[in-house]
Structures are given as C-alpha cells and as structure tokens.
C-alpha cells in the first residue's frame, strides 16, 4: 500500500492546509493575469520523529508571492501535524493497528 499524496495534503492541519493552498493558487493566478508578472507558490514539508514512536510531526509551510501593480505581496504560513507511519512508510492520520473482526 502506498501513501496517497492528496489524502495526506487534505489531512494536514485538519484540512485547513489544503484550503490555504487552494486560496493561494487562486490569488497568485489572478495576480499573474491582472498584472502580467510572475507569481509563485511553494510548499515545504519537514518530517521529524515524535520521541521514540511510529509517528512523525510534519511541519508544513506554504509560501506564496502574488504580483501586484507596483510589486508583490508575499505571505508565509507554517503549521504542524502529527501523522502515523505504517508499513512501507504509509502516512496516515490514524494508526494502522486495527485487528480483524472475523477469524
């Protein structure tokens, strides 16, 4: 089983990170069209093990630069989300420890 990137991005910060990325994409695209200048959206993910567990703290940073008439507006937002690491590196918000209900 492989990690689904879309699911992980939607789980970060309880879905708020995905919403921020969506808003940044729209703002930068609009600023680029209105002012004919280059815009930029960058996502950075940093992983750190939580103590001696099978969890990682993922620090996710969204940085974007929206073109304006006389320059640009830049914003940076950083938050962190704990996630479990399962078999083969599978990332999930819940641990993969559920036992079978049937024998």
N, C-alpha and C. Protein backbone atom coordinates (compact mmCIF):
# COMPACT_ATOMS: atom_id res chain seq x y z
N UNK A 1 0.84 -1.18 0.00
CA UNK A 1 0.00 0.00 0.00
C UNK A 1 0.89 1.25 0.00
N UNK A 2 0.54 2.22 -0.81
CA UNK A 2 1.34 3.43 -0.93
C UNK A 2 0.59 4.62 -0.34
N UNK A 3 1.37 5.61 0.08
CA UNK A 3 0.78 6.84 0.59
C UNK A 3 0.14 7.61 -0.56
N UNK A 4 -1.09 8.07 -0.34
CA UNK A 4 -1.78 8.89 -1.33
C UNK A 4 -1.53 10.35 -0.98
N UNK A 5 -0.80 11.04 -1.84
CA UNK A 5 -0.39 12.42 -1.57
C UNK A 5 -1.59 13.35 -1.35
N UNK A 6 -2.64 13.19 -2.14
CA UNK A 6 -3.82 14.05 -2.00
C UNK A 6 -4.47 13.87 -0.63
N UNK A 7 -4.54 12.63 -0.15
CA UNK A 7 -5.12 12.36 1.16
C UNK A 7 -4.28 12.99 2.26
N UNK A 8 -2.96 12.83 2.16
CA UNK A 8 -2.07 13.41 3.18
C UNK A 8 -2.22 14.92 3.20
N UNK A 9 -2.19 15.57 2.04
CA UNK A 9 -2.33 17.03 1.99
C UNK A 9 -3.66 17.49 2.56
N UNK A 10 -4.72 16.71 2.32
CA UNK A 10 -6.03 17.06 2.87
C UNK A 10 -6.12 16.81 4.36
N UNK A 11 -5.28 15.93 4.91
CA UNK A 11 -5.28 15.66 6.35
C UNK A 11 -4.46 16.67 7.14
N UNK A 12 -3.53 17.35 6.50
CA UNK A 12 -2.67 18.30 7.21
C UNK A 12 -3.49 19.43 7.81
N UNK A 13 -3.25 19.67 9.08
CA UNK A 13 -3.95 20.73 9.83
C UNK A 13 -5.47 20.60 9.70
N UNK A 14 -5.94 19.35 9.74
CA UNK A 14 -7.38 19.04 9.69
C UNK A 14 -8.06 19.62 8.44
N UNK A 15 -7.35 19.65 7.33
CA UNK A 15 -7.92 20.14 6.07
C UNK A 15 -7.69 21.62 5.81
N UNK A 16 -7.26 22.36 6.83
CA UNK A 16 -7.05 23.80 6.67
C UNK A 16 -5.88 24.10 5.73
N UNK A 17 -4.84 23.25 5.75
CA UNK A 17 -3.69 23.48 4.87
C UNK A 17 -4.11 23.41 3.41
N UNK A 18 -4.90 22.42 3.06
CA UNK A 18 -5.38 22.26 1.69
C UNK A 18 -6.20 23.48 1.25
N UNK A 19 -7.01 24.00 2.15
CA UNK A 19 -7.81 25.19 1.84
C UNK A 19 -6.91 26.41 1.61
N UNK A 20 -5.85 26.51 2.42
CA UNK A 20 -4.90 27.63 2.25
C UNK A 20 -4.18 27.54 0.90
N UNK A 21 -3.80 26.32 0.52
CA UNK A 21 -3.13 26.13 -0.77
C UNK A 21 -4.08 26.50 -1.91
N UNK A 22 -5.33 26.08 -1.81
CA UNK A 22 -6.32 26.40 -2.84
C UNK A 22 -6.49 27.91 -2.98
N UNK A 23 -6.58 28.62 -1.84
CA UNK A 23 -6.74 30.07 -1.87
C UNK A 23 -5.49 30.75 -2.46
N UNK A 24 -4.31 30.26 -2.08
CA UNK A 24 -3.06 30.84 -2.59
C UNK A 24 -2.95 30.66 -4.10
N UNK A 25 -3.31 29.47 -4.59
CA UNK A 25 -3.26 29.23 -6.03
C UNK A 25 -4.15 30.21 -6.79
N UNK A 26 -5.36 30.42 -6.27
CA UNK A 26 -6.29 31.34 -6.93
C UNK A 26 -5.78 32.78 -6.90
N UNK A 27 -5.27 33.22 -5.75
CA UNK A 27 -4.77 34.60 -5.63
C UNK A 27 -3.58 34.85 -6.55
N UNK A 28 -2.64 33.91 -6.56
CA UNK A 28 -1.44 34.08 -7.39
C UNK A 28 -1.80 34.04 -8.88
N UNK A 29 -2.67 33.13 -9.25
CA UNK A 29 -3.09 33.05 -10.66
C UNK A 29 -3.77 34.35 -11.09
N UNK A 30 -4.66 34.88 -10.25
CA UNK A 30 -5.36 36.11 -10.59
C UNK A 30 -4.38 37.29 -10.68
N UNK A 31 -3.47 37.40 -9.70
CA UNK A 31 -2.48 38.48 -9.73
C UNK A 31 -1.59 38.40 -10.96
N UNK A 32 -1.26 37.18 -11.36
CA UNK A 32 -0.42 36.99 -12.54
C UNK A 32 -1.13 37.47 -13.80
N UNK A 33 -2.41 37.14 -13.94
CA UNK A 33 -3.19 37.56 -15.11
C UNK A 33 -3.44 39.07 -15.11
N UNK A 34 -3.79 39.62 -13.96
CA UNK A 34 -4.11 41.05 -13.88
C UNK A 34 -2.91 41.95 -14.12
N UNK A 35 -1.71 41.50 -13.70
CA UNK A 35 -0.55 42.38 -13.75
C UNK A 35 0.56 41.89 -14.70
N UNK A 36 0.36 40.74 -15.32
CA UNK A 36 1.32 40.24 -16.30
C UNK A 36 2.70 39.96 -15.73
N UNK A 37 2.76 39.63 -14.46
CA UNK A 37 4.03 39.34 -13.80
C UNK A 37 4.03 37.90 -13.27
N UNK A 38 5.20 37.42 -12.93
CA UNK A 38 5.36 36.05 -12.44
C UNK A 38 4.96 35.96 -10.97
N UNK A 39 4.16 34.94 -10.64
CA UNK A 39 3.80 34.65 -9.26
C UNK A 39 4.42 33.32 -8.84
N UNK A 40 4.37 33.03 -7.56
CA UNK A 40 4.99 31.79 -7.08
C UNK A 40 4.25 31.24 -5.87
N UNK A 41 4.06 29.90 -5.87
CA UNK A 41 3.50 29.19 -4.72
C UNK A 41 4.47 28.07 -4.40
N UNK A 42 4.90 27.98 -3.13
CA UNK A 42 5.84 26.93 -2.71
C UNK A 42 5.30 26.22 -1.47
N UNK A 43 5.40 24.89 -1.48
CA UNK A 43 5.00 24.07 -0.35
C UNK A 43 6.24 23.33 0.15
N UNK A 44 6.47 23.40 1.45
CA UNK A 44 7.62 22.73 2.04
C UNK A 44 7.12 21.81 3.17
N UNK A 45 7.60 20.57 3.17
CA UNK A 45 7.23 19.61 4.22
C UNK A 45 8.50 19.13 4.91
N UNK A 46 8.53 19.24 6.25
CA UNK A 46 9.67 18.78 7.03
C UNK A 46 9.18 17.74 8.02
N UNK A 47 9.88 16.59 8.08
CA UNK A 47 9.46 15.47 8.92
C UNK A 47 10.41 15.31 10.10
N UNK A 48 9.84 15.12 11.30
CA UNK A 48 10.63 14.89 12.49
C UNK A 48 9.94 13.82 13.33
N UNK A 49 10.70 12.79 13.75
CA UNK A 49 10.11 11.72 14.56
C UNK A 49 9.66 12.28 15.90
N UNK A 50 8.50 11.82 16.35
CA UNK A 50 7.97 12.22 17.64
C UNK A 50 8.47 11.22 18.67
N UNK A 51 9.37 11.69 19.52
CA UNK A 51 10.02 10.87 20.54
C UNK A 51 10.49 9.54 19.96
N UNK A 52 10.12 8.43 20.58
CA UNK A 52 10.57 7.11 20.11
C UNK A 52 9.36 6.33 19.58
N UNK A 53 8.54 6.97 18.78
CA UNK A 53 7.29 6.37 18.33
C UNK A 53 7.30 6.12 16.82
N UNK A 54 6.19 5.61 16.32
CA UNK A 54 5.99 5.43 14.88
C UNK A 54 5.24 6.62 14.30
N UNK A 55 5.42 7.78 14.92
CA UNK A 55 4.78 8.99 14.44
C UNK A 55 5.83 10.01 14.02
N UNK A 56 5.42 10.85 13.09
CA UNK A 56 6.25 11.99 12.69
C UNK A 56 5.43 13.26 12.84
N UNK A 57 6.12 14.34 13.16
CA UNK A 57 5.50 15.66 13.13
C UNK A 57 5.88 16.24 11.77
N UNK A 58 4.87 16.54 10.99
CA UNK A 58 5.12 17.13 9.67
C UNK A 58 4.88 18.64 9.78
N UNK A 59 5.96 19.38 9.62
CA UNK A 59 5.84 20.83 9.60
C UNK A 59 5.62 21.22 8.15
N UNK A 60 4.48 21.84 7.90
CA UNK A 60 4.13 22.20 6.52
C UNK A 60 4.10 23.71 6.39
N UNK A 61 4.83 24.17 5.38
CA UNK A 61 4.93 25.61 5.16
C UNK A 61 4.43 25.95 3.76
N UNK A 62 3.58 26.94 3.70
CA UNK A 62 3.06 27.46 2.44
C UNK A 62 3.58 28.88 2.30
N UNK A 63 4.27 29.15 1.20
CA UNK A 63 4.76 30.48 0.91
C UNK A 63 4.28 30.85 -0.48
N UNK A 64 3.74 32.06 -0.61
CA UNK A 64 3.35 32.49 -1.95
C UNK A 64 3.63 33.96 -2.16
N UNK A 65 3.83 34.29 -3.42
CA UNK A 65 4.12 35.65 -3.83
C UNK A 65 3.14 36.02 -4.95
N UNK A 66 2.25 36.96 -4.63
CA UNK A 66 1.22 37.38 -5.59
C UNK A 66 1.63 38.71 -6.22
N UNK A 67 1.71 38.76 -7.56
CA UNK A 67 2.06 40.01 -8.23
C UNK A 67 0.99 41.08 -8.00
N UNK A 68 1.44 42.32 -7.83
CA UNK A 68 0.53 43.47 -7.74
C UNK A 68 0.98 44.49 -8.79
N UNK A 69 0.26 45.56 -8.89
CA UNK A 69 0.57 46.57 -9.91
C UNK A 69 1.99 47.14 -9.74
N UNK A 70 2.39 47.38 -8.50
CA UNK A 70 3.68 48.02 -8.27
C UNK A 70 4.68 47.13 -7.52
N UNK A 71 4.44 45.85 -7.50
CA UNK A 71 5.36 44.96 -6.79
C UNK A 71 4.74 43.59 -6.56
N UNK A 72 4.77 43.16 -5.30
CA UNK A 72 4.20 41.86 -4.97
C UNK A 72 3.82 41.82 -3.50
N UNK A 73 2.91 40.92 -3.18
CA UNK A 73 2.52 40.65 -1.80
C UNK A 73 2.96 39.23 -1.50
N UNK A 74 3.72 39.06 -0.42
CA UNK A 74 4.22 37.74 -0.05
C UNK A 74 3.66 37.33 1.30
N UNK A 75 3.27 36.06 1.40
CA UNK A 75 2.77 35.54 2.66
C UNK A 75 3.38 34.17 2.92
N UNK A 76 3.63 33.90 4.20
CA UNK A 76 4.17 32.60 4.62
C UNK A 76 3.34 32.11 5.80
N UNK A 77 2.97 30.83 5.75
CA UNK A 77 2.18 30.23 6.82
C UNK A 77 2.78 28.87 7.16
N UNK A 78 3.10 28.66 8.44
CA UNK A 78 3.70 27.40 8.87
C UNK A 78 2.89 26.80 10.01
N UNK A 79 2.53 25.52 9.86
CA UNK A 79 1.83 24.77 10.90
C UNK A 79 2.41 23.36 10.95
N UNK A 80 1.95 22.55 11.91
CA UNK A 80 2.49 21.21 12.07
C UNK A 80 1.37 20.23 12.37
N UNK A 81 1.50 19.00 11.86
CA UNK A 81 0.50 17.95 12.06
C UNK A 81 1.21 16.64 12.38
N UNK A 82 0.79 15.94 13.45
CA UNK A 82 1.35 14.60 13.71
C UNK A 82 0.67 13.57 12.83
N UNK A 83 1.45 12.63 12.29
CA UNK A 83 0.90 11.55 11.48
C UNK A 83 1.61 10.25 11.84
N UNK A 84 0.91 9.14 11.64
CA UNK A 84 1.47 7.82 11.88
C UNK A 84 2.17 7.32 10.62
N UNK A 85 3.23 6.56 10.82
CA UNK A 85 3.96 5.94 9.72
C UNK A 85 3.73 4.44 9.83
N UNK A 86 3.06 3.87 8.84
CA UNK A 86 2.73 2.45 8.84
C UNK A 86 3.69 1.65 7.97
N UNK A 87 3.24 0.47 7.60
CA UNK A 87 4.05 -0.45 6.78
C UNK A 87 4.47 0.23 5.48
N UNK A 88 5.75 0.09 5.16
CA UNK A 88 6.26 0.63 3.91
C UNK A 88 6.29 2.15 3.85
N UNK A 89 6.13 2.82 5.01
CA UNK A 89 6.15 4.29 5.04
C UNK A 89 4.81 4.93 4.80
N UNK A 90 3.73 4.13 4.86
CA UNK A 90 2.38 4.65 4.64
C UNK A 90 2.04 5.70 5.69
N UNK A 91 1.77 6.92 5.26
CA UNK A 91 1.39 8.00 6.16
C UNK A 91 -0.11 8.04 6.34
N UNK A 92 -0.56 8.19 7.59
CA UNK A 92 -2.00 8.33 7.84
C UNK A 92 -2.22 9.07 9.14
N UNK A 93 -3.38 9.64 9.25
CA UNK A 93 -3.75 10.39 10.44
C UNK A 93 -4.09 9.44 11.59
N UNK A 94 -4.48 8.20 11.25
CA UNK A 94 -4.84 7.18 12.25
C UNK A 94 -3.83 6.03 12.17
N UNK A 95 -3.55 5.39 13.31
CA UNK A 95 -2.59 4.27 13.28
C UNK A 95 -3.17 3.06 12.55
N UNK A 96 -2.30 2.29 11.94
CA UNK A 96 -2.71 1.08 11.21
C UNK A 96 -2.61 -0.13 12.15
N UNK A 97 -3.46 -0.14 13.18
CA UNK A 97 -3.39 -1.22 14.18
C UNK A 97 -4.72 -1.93 14.35
N UNK A 98 -5.65 -1.69 13.47
CA UNK A 98 -6.96 -2.31 13.62
C UNK A 98 -6.86 -3.80 13.37
N UNK A 99 -7.41 -4.57 14.29
CA UNK A 99 -7.40 -6.02 14.16
C UNK A 99 -8.64 -6.47 13.42
N UNK A 100 -8.57 -7.66 12.84
CA UNK A 100 -9.69 -8.22 12.09
C UNK A 100 -10.83 -8.56 13.04
N UNK A 101 -12.06 -8.26 12.63
CA UNK A 101 -13.23 -8.58 13.44
C UNK A 101 -13.65 -10.03 13.28
N UNK A 102 -13.20 -10.66 12.19
CA UNK A 102 -13.59 -12.03 11.91
C UNK A 102 -12.36 -12.93 11.87
N UNK A 103 -12.52 -14.18 12.35
CA UNK A 103 -11.39 -15.11 12.35
C UNK A 103 -11.21 -15.73 11.00
